[in-house]
Amino acid sequence: MNIGGALEVTYSADLMGRIDEKGFVSYVYSADTILGRISAKDVRVVDKGLMLMEDVFWDYVHDPHLLVAGGIGGGKTVFYVLS
């Protein structure tokens, strides 16, 4: 019933959620997130907002608050956007 964290480490994936259904539990993971990372020098503002990963954008105009969380050594970086 509670092996989500162990599977997260085993498969090097991020546990996104847990679904309890009749008789079984499903865990939802996001895998290969490392492949979508970009370097800090590649971060730029595009039409969708501030590019954080290849397919992840932060629309700071409509959602001005952002919380970045992750494990130690996970590559968290703080960006100050001046407009």
PDB file of N, CA and C in Angstrom:
ATOM      1  N   MET A   1       0.814  -1.205   0.000  1.00  0.00           N
ATOM      2  CA  MET A   1       0.000   0.000   0.000  1.00  0.00           C
ATOM      3  C   MET A   1       0.856   1.267   0.000  1.00  0.00           C
ATOM      4  N   ASN A   2       2.068   1.220   0.530  1.00  0.00           N
ATOM      5  CA  ASN A   2       2.886   2.426   0.650  1.00  0.00           C
ATOM      6  C   ASN A   2       4.262   2.255   0.018  1.00  0.00           C
ATOM      7  N   ILE A   3       4.333   1.727  -1.175  1.00  0.00           N
ATOM      8  CA  ILE A   3       5.629   1.516  -1.816  1.00  0.00           C
ATOM      9  C   ILE A   3       5.940   2.595  -2.852  1.00  0.00           C
ATOM     10  N   GLY A   4       5.117   3.649  -2.921  1.00  0.00           N
ATOM     11  CA  GLY A   4       5.314   4.698  -3.920  1.00  0.00           C
ATOM     12  C   GLY A   4       6.692   5.331  -3.847  1.00  0.00           C
ATOM     13  N   GLY A   5       7.161   5.638  -2.643  1.00  0.00           N
ATOM     14  CA  GLY A   5       8.474   6.255  -2.485  1.00  0.00           C
ATOM     15  C   GLY A   5       9.610   5.339  -2.888  1.00  0.00           C
ATOM     16  N   ALA A   6       9.496   4.067  -2.534  1.00  0.00           N
ATOM     17  CA  ALA A   6      10.542   3.103  -2.905  1.00  0.00           C
ATOM     18  C   ALA A   6      10.599   2.918  -4.419  1.00  0.00           C
ATOM     19  N   LEU A   7       9.446   2.883  -5.072  1.00  0.00           N
ATOM     20  CA  LEU A   7       9.430   2.755  -6.534  1.00  0.00           C
ATOM     21  C   LEU A   7       9.980   4.010  -7.206  1.00  0.00           C
ATOM     22  N   GLU A   8       9.769   5.152  -6.575  1.00  0.00           N
ATOM     23  CA  GLU A   8      10.301   6.416  -7.095  1.00  0.00           C
ATOM     24  C   GLU A   8      11.820   6.348  -7.190  1.00  0.00           C
ATOM     25  N   VAL A   9      12.458   5.845  -6.167  1.00  0.00           N
ATOM     26  CA  VAL A   9      13.912   5.705  -6.153  1.00  0.00           C
ATOM     27  C   VAL A   9      14.357   4.609  -7.122  1.00  0.00           C
ATOM     28  N   THR A  10      13.643   3.505  -7.128  1.00  0.00           N
ATOM     29  CA  THR A  10      14.001   2.371  -7.979  1.00  0.00           C
ATOM     30  C   THR A  10      14.009   2.741  -9.454  1.00  0.00           C
ATOM     31  N   TYR A  11      12.993   3.463  -9.885  1.00  0.00           N
ATOM     32  CA  TYR A  11      12.854   3.794 -11.300  1.00  0.00           C
ATOM     33  C   TYR A  11      13.348   5.191 -11.665  1.00  0.00           C
ATOM     34  N   SER A  12      13.951   5.900 -10.720  1.00  0.00           N
ATOM     35  CA  SER A  12      14.453   7.269 -10.939  1.00  0.00           C
ATOM     36  C   SER A  12      13.391   8.143 -11.596  1.00  0.00           C
ATOM     37  N   ALA A  13      12.207   8.101 -11.027  1.00  0.00           N
ATOM     38  CA  ALA A  13      11.081   8.880 -11.538  1.00  0.00           C
ATOM     39  C   ALA A  13      10.484   9.683 -10.394  1.00  0.00           C
ATOM     40  N   ASP A  14       9.727  10.717 -10.729  1.00  0.00           N
ATOM     41  CA  ASP A  14       9.100  11.562  -9.723  1.00  0.00           C
ATOM     42  C   ASP A  14       7.665  11.100  -9.491  1.00  0.00           C
ATOM     43  N   LEU A  15       7.330  10.803  -8.240  1.00  0.00           N
ATOM     44  CA  LEU A  15       5.984  10.378  -7.889  1.00  0.00           C
ATOM     45  C   LEU A  15       5.053  11.580  -7.996  1.00  0.00           C
ATOM     46  N   MET A  16       4.079  11.504  -8.892  1.00  0.00           N
ATOM     47  CA  MET A  16       3.170  12.615  -9.137  1.00  0.00           C
ATOM     48  C   MET A  16       1.833  12.449  -8.421  1.00  0.00           C
ATOM     49  N   GLY A  17       1.457  11.216  -8.114  1.00  0.00           N
ATOM     50  CA  GLY A  17       0.181  11.005  -7.444  1.00  0.00           C
ATOM     51  C   GLY A  17      -0.092   9.541  -7.182  1.00  0.00           C
ATOM     52  N   ARG A  18      -1.180   9.320  -6.470  1.00  0.00           N
ATOM     53  CA  ARG A  18      -1.592   7.966  -6.107  1.00  0.00           C
ATOM     54  C   ARG A  18      -3.095   7.874  -6.311  1.00  0.00           C
ATOM     55  N   ILE A  19      -3.549   6.809  -6.950  1.00  0.00           N
ATOM     56  CA  ILE A  19      -4.967   6.618  -7.218  1.00  0.00           C
ATOM     57  C   ILE A  19      -5.405   5.338  -6.513  1.00  0.00           C
ATOM     58  N   ASP A  20      -6.338   5.471  -5.566  1.00  0.00           N
ATOM     59  CA  ASP A  20      -6.896   4.320  -4.860  1.00  0.00           C
ATOM     60  C   ASP A  20      -8.196   3.923  -5.548  1.00  0.00           C
ATOM     61  N   GLU A  21      -8.234   2.711  -6.083  1.00  0.00           N
ATOM     62  CA  GLU A  21      -9.439   2.205  -6.725  1.00  0.00           C
ATOM     63  C   GLU A  21      -9.818   0.888  -6.083  1.00  0.00           C
ATOM     64  N   LYS A  22     -10.914   0.341  -6.481  1.00  0.00           N
ATOM     65  CA  LYS A  22     -11.416  -0.902  -5.888  1.00  0.00           C
ATOM     66  C   LYS A  22     -10.393  -2.031  -5.997  1.00  0.00           C
ATOM     67  N   GLY A  23      -9.794  -2.391  -4.893  1.00  0.00           N
ATOM     68  CA  GLY A  23      -8.911  -3.540  -4.865  1.00  0.00           C
ATOM     69  C   GLY A  23      -7.475  -3.308  -5.280  1.00  0.00           C
ATOM     70  N   PHE A  24      -7.120  -2.112  -5.743  1.00  0.00           N
ATOM     71  CA  PHE A  24      -5.729  -1.879  -6.123  1.00  0.00           C
ATOM     72  C   PHE A  24      -5.359  -0.405  -6.010  1.00  0.00           C
ATOM     73  N   VAL A  25      -4.056  -0.152  -6.016  1.00  0.00           N
ATOM     74  CA  VAL A  25      -3.518   1.200  -5.927  1.00  0.00           C
ATOM     75  C   VAL A  25      -2.668   1.446  -7.164  1.00  0.00           C
ATOM     76  N   SER A  26      -2.860   2.604  -7.787  1.00  0.00           N
ATOM     77  CA  SER A  26      -2.041   2.995  -8.941  1.00  0.00           C
ATOM     78  C   SER A  26      -1.190   4.194  -8.548  1.00  0.00           C
ATOM     79  N   TYR A  27       0.079   4.142  -8.912  1.00  0.00           N
ATOM     80  CA  TYR A  27       0.969   5.267  -8.676  1.00  0.00           C
ATOM     81  C   TYR A  27       1.272   5.925 -10.014  1.00  0.00           C
ATOM     82  N   VAL A  28       1.289   7.244 -10.023  1.00  0.00           N
ATOM     83  CA  VAL A  28       1.552   7.996 -11.249  1.00  0.00           C
ATOM     84  C   VAL A  28       2.933   8.629 -11.117  1.00  0.00           C
ATOM     85  N   TYR A  29       3.791   8.362 -12.104  1.00  0.00           N
ATOM     86  CA  TYR A  29       5.160   8.860 -12.077  1.00  0.00           C
ATOM     87  C   TYR A  29       5.460   9.687 -13.310  1.00  0.00           C
ATOM     88  N   SER A  30       6.417  10.567 -13.175  1.00  0.00           N
ATOM     89  CA  SER A  30       6.955  11.314 -14.303  1.00  0.00           C
ATOM     90  C   SER A  30       8.400  10.860 -14.462  1.00  0.00           C
ATOM     91  N   ALA A  31       8.689  10.230 -15.593  1.00  0.00           N
ATOM     92  CA  ALA A  31      10.022   9.678 -15.824  1.00  0.00           C
ATOM     93  C   ALA A  31      10.773  10.514 -16.854  1.00  0.00           C
ATOM     94  N   ASP A  32      12.077  10.385 -16.860  1.00  0.00           N
ATOM     95  CA  ASP A  32      12.951  11.054 -17.822  1.00  0.00           C
ATOM     96  C   ASP A  32      12.846  12.574 -17.785  1.00  0.00           C
ATOM     97  N   THR A  33      12.601  13.141 -16.606  1.00  0.00           N
ATOM     98  CA  THR A  33      12.544  14.601 -16.509  1.00  0.00           C
ATOM     99  C   THR A  33      13.921  15.215 -16.715  1.00  0.00           C
ATOM    100  N   ILE A  34      14.968  14.436 -16.508  1.00  0.00           N
ATOM    101  CA  ILE A  34      16.328  14.950 -16.706  1.00  0.00           C
ATOM    102  C   ILE A  34      16.561  15.271 -18.175  1.00  0.00           C
ATOM    103  N   LEU A  35      15.942  14.494 -19.068  1.00  0.00           N
ATOM    104  CA  LEU A  35      16.123  14.731 -20.503  1.00  0.00           C
ATOM    105  C   LEU A  35      15.577  16.082 -20.941  1.00  0.00           C
ATOM    106  N   GLY A  36      14.566  16.608 -20.242  1.00  0.00           N
ATOM    107  CA  GLY A  36      13.961  17.876 -20.617  1.00  0.00           C
ATOM    108  C   GLY A  36      14.627  19.093 -20.016  1.00  0.00           C
ATOM    109  N   ARG A  37      15.658  18.887 -19.210  1.00  0.00           N
ATOM    110  CA  ARG A  37      16.328  20.022 -18.569  1.00  0.00           C
ATOM    111  C   ARG A  37      17.093  20.856 -19.582  1.00  0.00           C
ATOM    112  N   ILE A  38      17.175  22.136 -19.283  1.00  0.00           N
ATOM    113  CA  ILE A  38      17.985  23.045 -20.093  1.00  0.00           C
ATOM    114  C   ILE A  38      18.993  23.702 -19.164  1.00  0.00           C
ATOM    115  N   SER A  39      20.063  24.205 -19.721  1.00  0.00           N
ATOM    116  CA  SER A  39      21.063  24.875 -18.877  1.00  0.00           C
ATOM    117  C   SER A  39      20.580  26.287 -18.562  1.00  0.00           C
ATOM    118  N   ALA A  40      21.157  26.879 -17.545  1.00  0.00           N
ATOM    119  CA  ALA A  40      20.745  28.217 -17.117  1.00  0.00           C
ATOM    120  C   ALA A  40      20.923  29.242 -18.237  1.00  0.00           C
ATOM    121  N   LYS A  41      21.917  29.066 -19.078  1.00  0.00           N
ATOM    122  CA  LYS A  41      22.137  30.026 -20.161  1.00  0.00           C
ATOM    123  C   LYS A  41      21.070  29.933 -21.255  1.00  0.00           C
ATOM    124  N   ASP A  42      20.309  28.826 -21.270  1.00  0.00           N
ATOM    125  CA  ASP A  42      19.248  28.650 -22.265  1.00  0.00           C
ATOM    126  C   ASP A  42      17.884  29.129 -21.781  1.00  0.00           C
ATOM    127  N   VAL A  43      17.791  29.559 -20.530  1.00  0.00           N
ATOM    128  CA  VAL A  43      16.525  30.066 -20.007  1.00  0.00           C
ATOM    129  C   VAL A  43      16.249  31.410 -20.668  1.00  0.00           C
ATOM    130  N   ARG A  44      15.031  31.535 -21.220  1.00  0.00           N
ATOM    131  CA  ARG A  44      14.656  32.780 -21.894  1.00  0.00           C
ATOM    132  C   ARG A  44      13.153  32.957 -21.827  1.00  0.00           C
ATOM    133  N   VAL A  45      12.713  34.171 -22.104  1.00  0.00           N
ATOM    134  CA  VAL A  45      11.288  34.471 -22.134  1.00  0.00           C
ATOM    135  C   VAL A  45      10.797  34.302 -23.567  1.00  0.00           C
ATOM    136  N   VAL A  46       9.733  33.501 -23.718  1.00  0.00           N
ATOM    137  CA  VAL A  46       9.105  33.275 -25.016  1.00  0.00           C
ATOM    138  C   VAL A  46       7.621  33.619 -24.873  1.00  0.00           C
ATOM    139  N   ASP A  47       6.842  33.377 -25.917  1.00  0.00           N
ATOM    140  CA  ASP A  47       5.412  33.714 -25.880  1.00  0.00           C
ATOM    141  C   ASP A  47       4.670  33.037 -24.732  1.00  0.00           C
ATOM    142  N   LYS A  48       5.059  31.822 -24.372  1.00  0.00           N
ATOM    143  CA  LYS A  48       4.384  31.070 -23.308  1.00  0.00           C
ATOM    144  C   LYS A  48       4.822  31.511 -21.913  1.00  0.00           C
ATOM    145  N   GLY A  49       5.906  32.261 -21.801  1.00  0.00           N
ATOM    146  CA  GLY A  49       6.426  32.694 -20.513  1.00  0.00           C
ATOM    147  C   GLY A  49       7.902  32.389 -20.395  1.00  0.00           C
ATOM    148  N   LEU A  50       8.372  32.267 -19.166  1.00  0.00           N
ATOM    149  CA  LEU A  50       9.777  31.967 -18.909  1.00  0.00           C
ATOM    150  C   LEU A  50      10.012  30.476 -19.095  1.00  0.00           C
ATOM    151  N   MET A  51      10.929  30.112 -19.966  1.00  0.00           N
ATOM    152  CA  MET A  51      11.210  28.705 -20.261  1.00  0.00           C
ATOM    153  C   MET A  51      12.047  28.118 -19.133  1.00  0.00           C
ATOM    154  N   LEU A  52      11.482  27.124 -18.421  1.00  0.00           N
ATOM    155  CA  LEU A  52      12.184  26.479 -17.311  1.00  0.00           C
ATOM    156  C   LEU A  52      12.773  25.133 -17.706  1.00  0.00           C
ATOM    157  N   MET A  53      12.088  24.428 -18.612  1.00  0.00           N
ATOM    158  CA  MET A  53      12.548  23.165 -19.189  1.00  0.00           C
ATOM    159  C   MET A  53      12.112  23.183 -20.648  1.00  0.00           C
ATOM    160  N   GLU A  54      12.427  22.147 -21.382  1.00  0.00           N
ATOM    161  CA  GLU A  54      12.066  22.131 -22.794  1.00  0.00           C
ATOM    162  C   GLU A  54      10.571  22.311 -23.017  1.00  0.00           C
ATOM    163  N   ASP A  55       9.738  21.717 -22.181  1.00  0.00           N
ATOM    164  CA  ASP A  55       8.291  21.820 -22.341  1.00  0.00           C
ATOM    165  C   ASP A  55       7.596  22.417 -21.126  1.00  0.00           C
ATOM    166  N   VAL A  56       8.338  23.118 -20.268  1.00  0.00           N
ATOM    167  CA  VAL A  56       7.761  23.716 -19.064  1.00  0.00           C
ATOM    168  C   VAL A  56       8.018  25.211 -19.094  1.00  0.00           C
ATOM    169  N   PHE A  57       6.922  25.973 -18.995  1.00  0.00           N
ATOM    170  CA  PHE A  57       7.014  27.426 -19.039  1.00  0.00           C
ATOM    171  C   PHE A  57       6.294  28.013 -17.840  1.00  0.00           C
ATOM    172  N   TRP A  58       6.792  29.130 -17.353  1.00  0.00           N
ATOM    173  CA  TRP A  58       6.167  29.839 -16.233  1.00  0.00           C
ATOM    174  C   TRP A  58       5.591  31.136 -16.767  1.00  0.00           C
ATOM    175  N   ASP A  59       4.262  31.242 -16.735  1.00  0.00           N
ATOM    176  CA  ASP A  59       3.577  32.464 -17.164  1.00  0.00           C
ATOM    177  C   ASP A  59       3.502  33.387 -15.956  1.00  0.00           C
ATOM    178  N   TYR A  60       4.549  34.153 -15.733  1.00  0.00           N
ATOM    179  CA  TYR A  60       4.660  34.977 -14.536  1.00  0.00           C
ATOM    180  C   TYR A  60       3.725  36.172 -14.547  1.00  0.00           C
ATOM    181  N   VAL A  61       3.151  36.520 -15.695  1.00  0.00           N
ATOM    182  CA  VAL A  61       2.190  37.622 -15.752  1.00  0.00           C
ATOM    183  C   VAL A  61       0.858  37.180 -15.133  1.00  0.00           C
ATOM    184  N   HIS A  62       0.377  35.996 -15.509  1.00  0.00           N
ATOM    185  CA  HIS A  62      -0.900  35.503 -15.003  1.00  0.00           C
ATOM    186  C   HIS A  62      -0.768  34.745 -13.690  1.00  0.00           C
ATOM    187  N   ASP A  63       0.369  34.146 -13.429  1.00  0.00           N
ATOM    188  CA  ASP A  63       0.640  33.417 -12.188  1.00  0.00           C
ATOM    189  C   ASP A  63       1.963  33.917 -11.612  1.00  0.00           C
ATOM    190  N   PRO A  64       1.925  35.033 -10.864  1.00  0.00           N
ATOM    191  CA  PRO A  64       3.182  35.662 -10.427  1.00  0.00           C
ATOM    192  C   PRO A  64       3.939  34.915  -9.336  1.00  0.00           C
ATOM    193  N   HIS A  65       3.335  33.911  -8.706  1.00  0.00           N
ATOM    194  CA  HIS A  65       4.004  33.197  -7.623  1.00  0.00           C
ATOM    195  C   HIS A  65       4.455  31.821  -8.102  1.00  0.00           C
ATOM    196  N   LEU A  66       5.669  31.461  -7.729  1.00  0.00           N
ATOM    197  CA  LEU A  66       6.227  30.171  -8.134  1.00  0.00           C
ATOM    198  C   LEU A  66       6.996  29.592  -6.962  1.00  0.00           C
ATOM    199  N   LEU A  67       6.739  28.329  -6.668  1.00  0.00           N
ATOM    200  CA  LEU A  67       7.479  27.609  -5.638  1.00  0.00           C
ATOM    201  C   LEU A  67       8.267  26.508  -6.320  1.00  0.00           C
ATOM    202  N   VAL A  68       9.575  26.528  -6.150  1.00  0.00           N
ATOM    203  CA  VAL A  68      10.436  25.499  -6.726  1.00  0.00           C
ATOM    204  C   VAL A  68      10.926  24.634  -5.570  1.00  0.00           C
ATOM    205  N   ALA A  69      10.651  23.343  -5.646  1.00  0.00           N
ATOM    206  CA  ALA A  69      11.052  22.427  -4.588  1.00  0.00           C
ATOM    207  C   ALA A  69      11.707  21.209  -5.213  1.00  0.00           C
ATOM    208  N   GLY A  70      12.625  20.607  -4.476  1.00  0.00           N
ATOM    209  CA  GLY A  70      13.278  19.404  -4.980  1.00  0.00           C
ATOM    210  C   GLY A  70      14.338  18.942  -4.002  1.00  0.00           C
ATOM    211  N   GLY A  71      14.849  17.778  -4.271  1.00  0.00           N
ATOM    212  CA  GLY A  71      15.863  17.201  -3.411  1.00  0.00           C
ATOM    213  C   GLY A  71      17.192  17.931  -3.530  1.00  0.00           C
ATOM    214  N   ILE A  72      18.069  17.677  -2.593  1.00  0.00           N
ATOM    215  CA  ILE A  72      19.396  18.284  -2.597  1.00  0.00           C
ATOM    216  C   ILE A  72      20.127  17.851  -3.860  1.00  0.00           C
ATOM    217  N   GLY A  73      20.701  18.804  -4.550  1.00  0.00           N
ATOM    218  CA  GLY A  73      21.431  18.505  -5.772  1.00  0.00           C
ATOM    219  C   GLY A  73      20.538  18.319  -6.982  1.00  0.00           C
ATOM    220  N   GLY A  74      19.260  18.683  -6.848  1.00  0.00           N
ATOM    221  CA  GLY A  74      18.315  18.501  -7.942  1.00  0.00           C
ATOM    222  C   GLY A  74      18.350  19.596  -8.984  1.00  0.00           C
ATOM    223  N   GLY A  75      19.167  20.619  -8.806  1.00  0.00           N
ATOM    224  CA  GLY A  75      19.299  21.668  -9.813  1.00  0.00           C
ATOM    225  C   GLY A  75      18.348  22.826  -9.634  1.00  0.00           C
ATOM    226  N   LYS A  76      17.903  23.099  -8.425  1.00  0.00           N
ATOM    227  CA  LYS A  76      17.016  24.236  -8.197  1.00  0.00           C
ATOM    228  C   LYS A  76      17.795  25.530  -8.397  1.00  0.00           C
ATOM    229  N   THR A  77      17.187  26.448  -9.080  1.00  0.00           N
ATOM    230  CA  THR A  77      17.817  27.728  -9.345  1.00  0.00           C
ATOM    231  C   THR A  77      16.774  28.824  -9.168  1.00  0.00           C
ATOM    232  N   VAL A  78      17.205  30.008  -8.728  1.00  0.00           N
ATOM    233  CA  VAL A  78      16.300  31.137  -8.575  1.00  0.00           C
ATOM    234  C   VAL A  78      16.543  32.119  -9.698  1.00  0.00           C
ATOM    235  N   PHE A  79      15.462  32.540 -10.345  1.00  0.00           N
ATOM    236  CA  PHE A  79      15.558  33.533 -11.413  1.00  0.00           C
ATOM    237  C   PHE A  79      14.786  34.761 -11.005  1.00  0.00           C
ATOM    238  N   TYR A  80      15.355  35.921 -11.227  1.00  0.00           N
ATOM    239  CA  TYR A  80      14.675  37.176 -11.001  1.00  0.00           C
ATOM    240  C   TYR A  80      14.320  37.746 -12.358  1.00  0.00           C
ATOM    241  N   VAL A  81      13.039  37.908 -12.603  1.00  0.00           N
ATOM    242  CA  VAL A  81      12.592  38.421 -13.887  1.00  0.00           C
ATOM    243  C   VAL A  81      12.276  39.900 -13.695  1.00  0.00           C
ATOM    244  N   LEU A  82      12.988  40.725 -14.415  1.00  0.00           N
ATOM    245  CA  LEU A  82      12.763  42.159 -14.383  1.00  0.00           C
ATOM    246  C   LEU A  82      12.035  42.570 -15.649  1.00  0.00           C
ATOM    247  N   SER A  83      10.963  43.299 -15.472  1.00  0.00           N
ATOM    248  CA  SER A  83      10.249  43.754 -16.666  1.00  0.00           C
ATOM    249  C   SER A  83      10.011  45.247 -16.603  1.00  0.00           C
TER     250      SER A  83
END
